[in-house]
Amino acid sequence: MAVKNFEDLNVWKQARQLTQEVYRLTKTEKFLKDFGLRDQIRRAAISVMSNIAEGFERGGNQEFVQFLYVAKASCGEVRSQLYVALDQGYATTNDTEKLLQLFRRLSGMISNLITYLRESDMKGEKFVRSKPILR
């Protein structure tokens, strides 16, 4: 299947699903009272999917890869914050382990996409246009 939009990327779909899981977790009564951690972990999760989308829309592999590295770093940020949530009793061990595993998997998916883009001969939409667009 050809990827025409960032919404077609499995890595973006997974990031969206995990963002939903972070929101579900942070809606608990205990978590809601810690505004700082709640907002930060939500922002980090949103950053993953947003950077995948923004990088894709840049049109070239080099820029896309840069944004994917930011998305990967945000996966690490979410994982670190999950440990804080666990230590503070905002999340169960089961919920935390499940999300840690899923964010590690997503980080690996992002790494694989980075490798693919770096090795690919296709360099993005800006390099494909052979004819100027007439307006």
N, C-alpha and C. Protein backbone atom coordinates (compact mmCIF):
# COMPACT_ATOMS: atom_id res chain seq x y z
N MET A 1 0.84 -1.18 0.00
CA MET A 1 0.00 0.00 0.00
C MET A 1 0.88 1.25 0.00
N ALA A 2 0.59 2.16 -0.88
CA ALA A 2 1.34 3.40 -0.96
C ALA A 2 0.92 4.33 0.18
N VAL A 3 1.91 4.97 0.75
CA VAL A 3 1.65 5.92 1.83
C VAL A 3 1.53 7.30 1.21
N LYS A 4 0.34 7.88 1.33
CA LYS A 4 0.10 9.20 0.75
C LYS A 4 -0.07 10.26 1.82
N ASN A 5 -0.46 9.85 3.01
CA ASN A 5 -0.70 10.76 4.12
C ASN A 5 -0.08 10.18 5.38
N PHE A 6 0.24 11.04 6.33
CA PHE A 6 0.81 10.52 7.58
C PHE A 6 -0.15 9.57 8.28
N GLU A 7 -1.45 9.76 8.05
CA GLU A 7 -2.44 8.87 8.67
C GLU A 7 -2.33 7.44 8.15
N ASP A 8 -1.65 7.25 7.03
CA ASP A 8 -1.44 5.90 6.47
C ASP A 8 -0.30 5.15 7.15
N LEU A 9 0.53 5.85 7.89
CA LEU A 9 1.71 5.24 8.52
C LEU A 9 1.31 4.43 9.76
N ASN A 10 1.73 3.18 9.81
CA ASN A 10 1.45 2.36 10.99
C ASN A 10 2.06 2.96 12.25
N VAL A 11 3.22 3.57 12.11
CA VAL A 11 3.88 4.17 13.26
C VAL A 11 3.04 5.33 13.83
N TRP A 12 2.41 6.11 12.97
CA TRP A 12 1.55 7.20 13.44
C TRP A 12 0.27 6.62 14.08
N LYS A 13 -0.29 5.59 13.47
CA LYS A 13 -1.49 4.95 14.03
C LYS A 13 -1.21 4.42 15.43
N GLN A 14 -0.04 3.79 15.60
CA GLN A 14 0.33 3.27 16.92
C GLN A 14 0.52 4.41 17.91
N ALA A 15 1.15 5.50 17.48
CA ALA A 15 1.34 6.66 18.36
C ALA A 15 0.00 7.25 18.78
N ARG A 16 -0.95 7.29 17.88
CA ARG A 16 -2.28 7.79 18.20
C ARG A 16 -2.95 6.91 19.25
N GLN A 17 -2.86 5.60 19.06
CA GLN A 17 -3.47 4.67 20.01
C GLN A 17 -2.83 4.81 21.39
N LEU A 18 -1.52 4.96 21.44
CA LEU A 18 -0.84 5.09 22.73
C LEU A 18 -1.16 6.43 23.39
N THR A 19 -1.37 7.46 22.61
CA THR A 19 -1.80 8.74 23.18
C THR A 19 -3.16 8.57 23.86
N GLN A 20 -4.04 7.82 23.23
CA GLN A 20 -5.34 7.54 23.85
C GLN A 20 -5.17 6.80 25.16
N GLU A 21 -4.23 5.86 25.21
CA GLU A 21 -3.97 5.11 26.43
C GLU A 21 -3.41 6.00 27.54
N VAL A 22 -2.54 6.94 27.17
CA VAL A 22 -2.00 7.88 28.15
C VAL A 22 -3.13 8.75 28.70
N TYR A 23 -4.01 9.22 27.85
CA TYR A 23 -5.16 10.01 28.33
C TYR A 23 -6.06 9.19 29.25
N ARG A 24 -6.27 7.92 28.89
CA ARG A 24 -7.09 7.05 29.75
C ARG A 24 -6.46 6.94 31.13
N LEU A 25 -5.16 6.69 31.15
CA LEU A 25 -4.46 6.53 32.42
C LEU A 25 -4.50 7.81 33.26
N THR A 26 -4.35 8.94 32.60
CA THR A 26 -4.24 10.21 33.34
C THR A 26 -5.59 10.80 33.73
N LYS A 27 -6.66 10.10 33.42
CA LYS A 27 -8.00 10.55 33.85
C LYS A 27 -8.39 10.01 35.22
N THR A 28 -7.53 9.21 35.83
CA THR A 28 -7.84 8.68 37.15
C THR A 28 -7.79 9.80 38.19
N GLU A 29 -8.51 9.61 39.26
CA GLU A 29 -8.63 10.66 40.29
C GLU A 29 -7.28 11.09 40.85
N LYS A 30 -6.42 10.13 41.17
CA LYS A 30 -5.10 10.47 41.73
C LYS A 30 -4.27 11.26 40.74
N PHE A 31 -4.27 10.83 39.49
CA PHE A 31 -3.46 11.48 38.46
C PHE A 31 -3.95 12.89 38.17
N LEU A 32 -5.25 13.09 38.20
CA LEU A 32 -5.83 14.39 37.87
C LEU A 32 -5.36 15.49 38.81
N LYS A 33 -4.98 15.13 40.03
CA LYS A 33 -4.55 16.14 41.01
C LYS A 33 -3.12 16.62 40.78
N ASP A 34 -2.33 15.82 40.07
CA ASP A 34 -0.94 16.21 39.79
C ASP A 34 -0.91 16.85 38.40
N PHE A 35 -1.26 18.14 38.37
CA PHE A 35 -1.40 18.85 37.09
C PHE A 35 -0.12 18.81 36.27
N GLY A 36 1.01 19.01 36.93
CA GLY A 36 2.28 19.07 36.22
C GLY A 36 2.61 17.78 35.50
N LEU A 37 2.58 16.67 36.22
CA LEU A 37 2.91 15.38 35.61
C LEU A 37 1.86 15.00 34.58
N ARG A 38 0.61 15.18 34.92
CA ARG A 38 -0.48 14.83 33.99
C ARG A 38 -0.31 15.57 32.66
N ASP A 39 -0.10 16.88 32.74
CA ASP A 39 0.03 17.66 31.51
C ASP A 39 1.31 17.31 30.75
N GLN A 40 2.41 17.07 31.46
CA GLN A 40 3.67 16.76 30.81
C GLN A 40 3.64 15.43 30.08
N ILE A 41 3.07 14.40 30.70
CA ILE A 41 3.03 13.10 30.04
C ILE A 41 2.08 13.13 28.84
N ARG A 42 1.01 13.90 28.97
CA ARG A 42 0.11 14.06 27.82
C ARG A 42 0.81 14.79 26.68
N ARG A 43 1.51 15.86 26.99
CA ARG A 43 2.24 16.61 25.95
C ARG A 43 3.29 15.74 25.28
N ALA A 44 3.99 14.93 26.07
CA ALA A 44 5.02 14.06 25.49
C ALA A 44 4.39 13.04 24.54
N ALA A 45 3.26 12.45 24.93
CA ALA A 45 2.58 11.48 24.07
C ALA A 45 2.10 12.16 22.78
N ILE A 46 1.53 13.34 22.92
CA ILE A 46 1.08 14.09 21.75
C ILE A 46 2.26 14.43 20.85
N SER A 47 3.40 14.73 21.45
CA SER A 47 4.60 15.06 20.70
C SER A 47 5.03 13.93 19.78
N VAL A 48 4.85 12.70 20.23
CA VAL A 48 5.24 11.55 19.40
C VAL A 48 4.45 11.58 18.09
N MET A 49 3.13 11.60 18.21
CA MET A 49 2.32 11.54 16.98
C MET A 49 2.43 12.82 16.16
N SER A 50 2.57 13.95 16.83
CA SER A 50 2.67 15.23 16.11
C SER A 50 3.96 15.35 15.32
N ASN A 51 5.06 14.89 15.89
CA ASN A 51 6.34 14.98 15.18
C ASN A 51 6.40 14.01 14.00
N ILE A 52 5.76 12.87 14.13
CA ILE A 52 5.67 11.95 12.98
C ILE A 52 4.90 12.64 11.86
N ALA A 53 3.78 13.26 12.20
CA ALA A 53 2.95 13.93 11.19
C ALA A 53 3.69 15.12 10.58
N GLU A 54 4.28 15.95 11.42
CA GLU A 54 4.95 17.15 10.91
C GLU A 54 6.14 16.78 10.03
N GLY A 55 6.91 15.80 10.45
CA GLY A 55 8.04 15.37 9.63
C GLY A 55 7.60 14.83 8.29
N PHE A 56 6.53 14.05 8.28
CA PHE A 56 6.02 13.51 7.02
C PHE A 56 5.62 14.64 6.08
N GLU A 57 4.98 15.65 6.62
CA GLU A 57 4.49 16.75 5.79
C GLU A 57 5.60 17.64 5.25
N ARG A 58 6.81 17.53 5.78
CA ARG A 58 7.94 18.32 5.29
C ARG A 58 8.31 17.94 3.87
N GLY A 59 8.07 16.71 3.49
CA GLY A 59 8.26 16.31 2.11
C GLY A 59 9.62 15.71 1.77
N GLY A 60 10.61 15.84 2.61
CA GLY A 60 11.92 15.27 2.32
C GLY A 60 12.38 14.36 3.43
N ASN A 61 13.14 13.33 3.06
CA ASN A 61 13.56 12.34 4.04
C ASN A 61 14.42 12.91 5.16
N GLN A 62 15.35 13.82 4.83
CA GLN A 62 16.25 14.34 5.85
C GLN A 62 15.48 15.04 6.97
N GLU A 63 14.55 15.89 6.59
CA GLU A 63 13.74 16.57 7.61
C GLU A 63 12.84 15.58 8.34
N PHE A 64 12.27 14.64 7.61
CA PHE A 64 11.40 13.64 8.23
C PHE A 64 12.18 12.87 9.30
N VAL A 65 13.39 12.47 8.97
CA VAL A 65 14.22 11.74 9.93
C VAL A 65 14.47 12.57 11.18
N GLN A 66 14.74 13.86 11.02
CA GLN A 66 14.96 14.72 12.18
C GLN A 66 13.73 14.73 13.10
N PHE A 67 12.56 14.84 12.52
CA PHE A 67 11.33 14.84 13.31
C PHE A 67 11.07 13.47 13.94
N LEU A 68 11.46 12.41 13.25
CA LEU A 68 11.30 11.08 13.82
C LEU A 68 12.20 10.90 15.04
N TYR A 69 13.39 11.49 15.02
CA TYR A 69 14.25 11.43 16.21
C TYR A 69 13.61 12.16 17.39
N VAL A 70 12.94 13.26 17.13
CA VAL A 70 12.24 13.98 18.20
C VAL A 70 11.10 13.11 18.73
N ALA A 71 10.37 12.46 17.83
CA ALA A 71 9.28 11.57 18.25
C ALA A 71 9.82 10.42 19.09
N LYS A 72 10.95 9.85 18.69
CA LYS A 72 11.57 8.76 19.44
C LYS A 72 11.99 9.24 20.83
N ALA A 73 12.54 10.44 20.90
CA ALA A 73 12.93 11.00 22.20
C ALA A 73 11.70 11.20 23.10
N SER A 74 10.60 11.61 22.51
CA SER A 74 9.38 11.79 23.29
C SER A 74 8.85 10.45 23.81
N CYS A 75 9.09 9.36 23.08
CA CYS A 75 8.74 8.03 23.61
C CYS A 75 9.51 7.77 24.90
N GLY A 76 10.78 8.12 24.91
CA GLY A 76 11.58 7.97 26.11
C GLY A 76 11.08 8.83 27.25
N GLU A 77 10.67 10.05 26.91
CA GLU A 77 10.13 10.96 27.93
C GLU A 77 8.87 10.38 28.56
N VAL A 78 7.97 9.84 27.75
CA VAL A 78 6.75 9.22 28.28
C VAL A 78 7.12 8.06 29.20
N ARG A 79 8.06 7.23 28.78
CA ARG A 79 8.45 6.09 29.62
C ARG A 79 9.00 6.55 30.96
N SER A 80 9.82 7.57 30.95
CA SER A 80 10.37 8.09 32.21
C SER A 80 9.25 8.60 33.12
N GLN A 81 8.29 9.29 32.53
CA GLN A 81 7.18 9.83 33.32
C GLN A 81 6.26 8.74 33.82
N LEU A 82 6.18 7.64 33.10
CA LEU A 82 5.40 6.50 33.58
C LEU A 82 5.99 5.94 34.88
N TYR A 83 7.31 5.95 34.98
CA TYR A 83 7.95 5.50 36.22
C TYR A 83 7.60 6.44 37.39
N VAL A 84 7.56 7.74 37.11
CA VAL A 84 7.16 8.70 38.15
C VAL A 84 5.73 8.40 38.60
N ALA A 85 4.84 8.16 37.62
CA ALA A 85 3.45 7.86 37.94
C ALA A 85 3.35 6.59 38.78
N LEU A 86 4.13 5.59 38.42
CA LEU A 86 4.13 4.35 39.20
C LEU A 86 4.63 4.61 40.62
N ASP A 87 5.75 5.33 40.74
CA ASP A 87 6.34 5.60 42.05
C ASP A 87 5.42 6.41 42.96
N GLN A 88 4.58 7.25 42.35
CA GLN A 88 3.66 8.08 43.13
C GLN A 88 2.32 7.39 43.39
N GLY A 89 2.15 6.21 42.86
CA GLY A 89 0.90 5.46 43.08
C GLY A 89 -0.24 5.91 42.18
N TYR A 90 0.08 6.60 41.09
CA TYR A 90 -0.95 7.06 40.16
C TYR A 90 -1.32 5.98 39.15
N ALA A 91 -0.44 5.00 38.97
CA ALA A 91 -0.66 3.95 37.99
C ALA A 91 -0.29 2.61 38.63
N THR A 92 -0.98 1.57 38.21
CA THR A 92 -0.66 0.23 38.71
C THR A 92 0.58 -0.30 38.00
N THR A 93 1.19 -1.29 38.59
CA THR A 93 2.35 -1.93 37.96
C THR A 93 1.94 -2.52 36.62
N ASN A 94 0.77 -3.13 36.56
CA ASN A 94 0.29 -3.75 35.33
C ASN A 94 0.11 -2.72 34.22
N ASP A 95 -0.59 -1.61 34.52
CA ASP A 95 -0.78 -0.55 33.51
C ASP A 95 0.55 0.03 33.06
N THR A 96 1.44 0.25 34.02
CA THR A 96 2.73 0.85 33.71
C THR A 96 3.55 -0.07 32.80
N GLU A 97 3.64 -1.34 33.17
CA GLU A 97 4.42 -2.29 32.37
C GLU A 97 3.87 -2.42 30.95
N LYS A 98 2.54 -2.45 30.85
CA LYS A 98 1.91 -2.56 29.53
C LYS A 98 2.29 -1.35 28.66
N LEU A 99 2.17 -0.15 29.23
CA LEU A 99 2.48 1.05 28.45
C LEU A 99 3.98 1.17 28.17
N LEU A 100 4.81 0.81 29.12
CA LEU A 100 6.26 0.83 28.89
C LEU A 100 6.63 -0.06 27.71
N GLN A 101 6.06 -1.26 27.68
CA GLN A 101 6.33 -2.20 26.60
C GLN A 101 5.85 -1.64 25.26
N LEU A 102 4.67 -1.05 25.25
CA LEU A 102 4.13 -0.51 24.00
C LEU A 102 4.93 0.70 23.50
N PHE A 103 5.38 1.54 24.41
CA PHE A 103 6.19 2.68 24.00
C PHE A 103 7.59 2.25 23.56
N ARG A 104 8.13 1.19 24.16
CA ARG A 104 9.41 0.64 23.68
C ARG A 104 9.24 0.10 22.26
N ARG A 105 8.15 -0.60 22.04
CA ARG A 105 7.87 -1.14 20.70
C ARG A 105 7.73 -0.01 19.68
N LEU A 106 7.01 1.04 20.06
CA LEU A 106 6.84 2.19 19.16
C LEU A 106 8.19 2.83 18.87
N SER A 107 9.03 2.96 19.86
CA SER A 107 10.36 3.51 19.67
C SER A 107 11.14 2.68 18.65
N GLY A 108 11.02 1.37 18.75
CA GLY A 108 11.67 0.48 17.78
C GLY A 108 11.10 0.66 16.38
N MET A 109 9.80 0.83 16.28
CA MET A 109 9.17 1.06 14.98
C MET A 109 9.70 2.35 14.36
N ILE A 110 9.83 3.38 15.17
CA ILE A 110 10.37 4.66 14.68
C ILE A 110 11.80 4.47 14.21
N SER A 111 12.60 3.74 14.99
CA SER A 111 13.99 3.47 14.58
C SER A 111 14.04 2.74 13.24
N ASN A 112 13.17 1.77 13.07
CA ASN A 112 13.12 1.04 11.79
C ASN A 112 12.74 1.95 10.64
N LEU A 113 11.82 2.86 10.87
CA LEU A 113 11.43 3.81 9.82
C LEU A 113 12.59 4.75 9.49
N ILE A 114 13.31 5.19 10.49
CA ILE A 114 14.48 6.04 10.27
C ILE A 114 15.50 5.30 9.39
N THR A 115 15.78 4.06 9.74
CA THR A 115 16.73 3.26 8.95
C THR A 115 16.26 3.11 7.52
N TYR A 116 14.98 2.81 7.35
CA TYR A 116 14.42 2.67 6.00
C TYR A 116 14.59 3.96 5.20
N LEU A 117 14.25 5.08 5.81
CA LEU A 117 14.32 6.36 5.09
C LEU A 117 15.76 6.72 4.73
N ARG A 118 16.69 6.44 5.61
CA ARG A 118 18.10 6.74 5.33
C ARG A 118 18.65 5.89 4.19
N GLU A 119 18.15 4.66 4.06
CA GLU A 119 18.66 3.75 3.04
C GLU A 119 17.87 3.82 1.73
N SER A 120 16.75 4.50 1.74
CA SER A 120 15.85 4.55 0.59
C SER A 120 16.37 5.48 -0.50
N ASP A 121 16.14 5.09 -1.74
CA ASP A 121 16.47 5.96 -2.87
C ASP A 121 15.41 7.03 -3.06
N MET A 122 14.21 6.79 -2.52
CA MET A 122 13.15 7.79 -2.61
C MET A 122 13.43 8.85 -1.56
N LYS A 123 13.44 10.07 -1.98
CA LYS A 123 13.82 11.14 -1.06
C LYS A 123 12.69 12.10 -0.73
N GLY A 124 11.48 11.76 -1.10
CA GLY A 124 10.35 12.59 -0.73
C GLY A 124 9.78 13.35 -1.90
N GLU A 125 8.65 13.96 -1.67
CA GLU A 125 7.89 14.59 -2.73
C GLU A 125 8.63 15.75 -3.39
N LYS A 126 9.44 16.50 -2.64
CA LYS A 126 10.13 17.62 -3.26
C LYS A 126 11.15 17.16 -4.29
N PHE A 127 11.62 15.92 -4.19
CA PHE A 127 12.63 15.43 -5.12
C PHE A 127 12.02 14.66 -6.27
N VAL A 128 10.74 14.38 -6.21
CA VAL A 128 10.08 13.56 -7.22
C VAL A 128 9.57 14.42 -8.38
N ARG A 129 9.20 15.64 -8.09
CA ARG A 129 8.62 16.49 -9.14
C ARG A 129 9.62 16.72 -10.27
N SER A 130 9.24 16.32 -11.46
CA SER A 130 10.12 16.52 -12.60
C SER A 130 9.70 17.71 -13.44
N LYS A 131 8.45 18.09 -13.32
CA LYS A 131 7.95 19.21 -14.11
C LYS A 131 7.50 20.33 -13.16
N PRO A 132 7.77 21.55 -13.53
CA PRO A 132 7.29 22.65 -12.65
C PRO A 132 5.77 22.71 -12.67
N ILE A 133 5.24 23.13 -11.57
CA ILE A 133 3.79 23.29 -11.46
C ILE A 133 3.42 24.65 -12.03
N LEU A 134 2.53 24.65 -13.01
CA LEU A 134 2.10 25.91 -13.64
C LEU A 134 0.86 26.42 -12.91
N ARG A 135 0.84 27.68 -12.66
CA ARG A 135 -0.32 28.26 -11.97
C ARG A 135 -0.96 29.31 -12.84
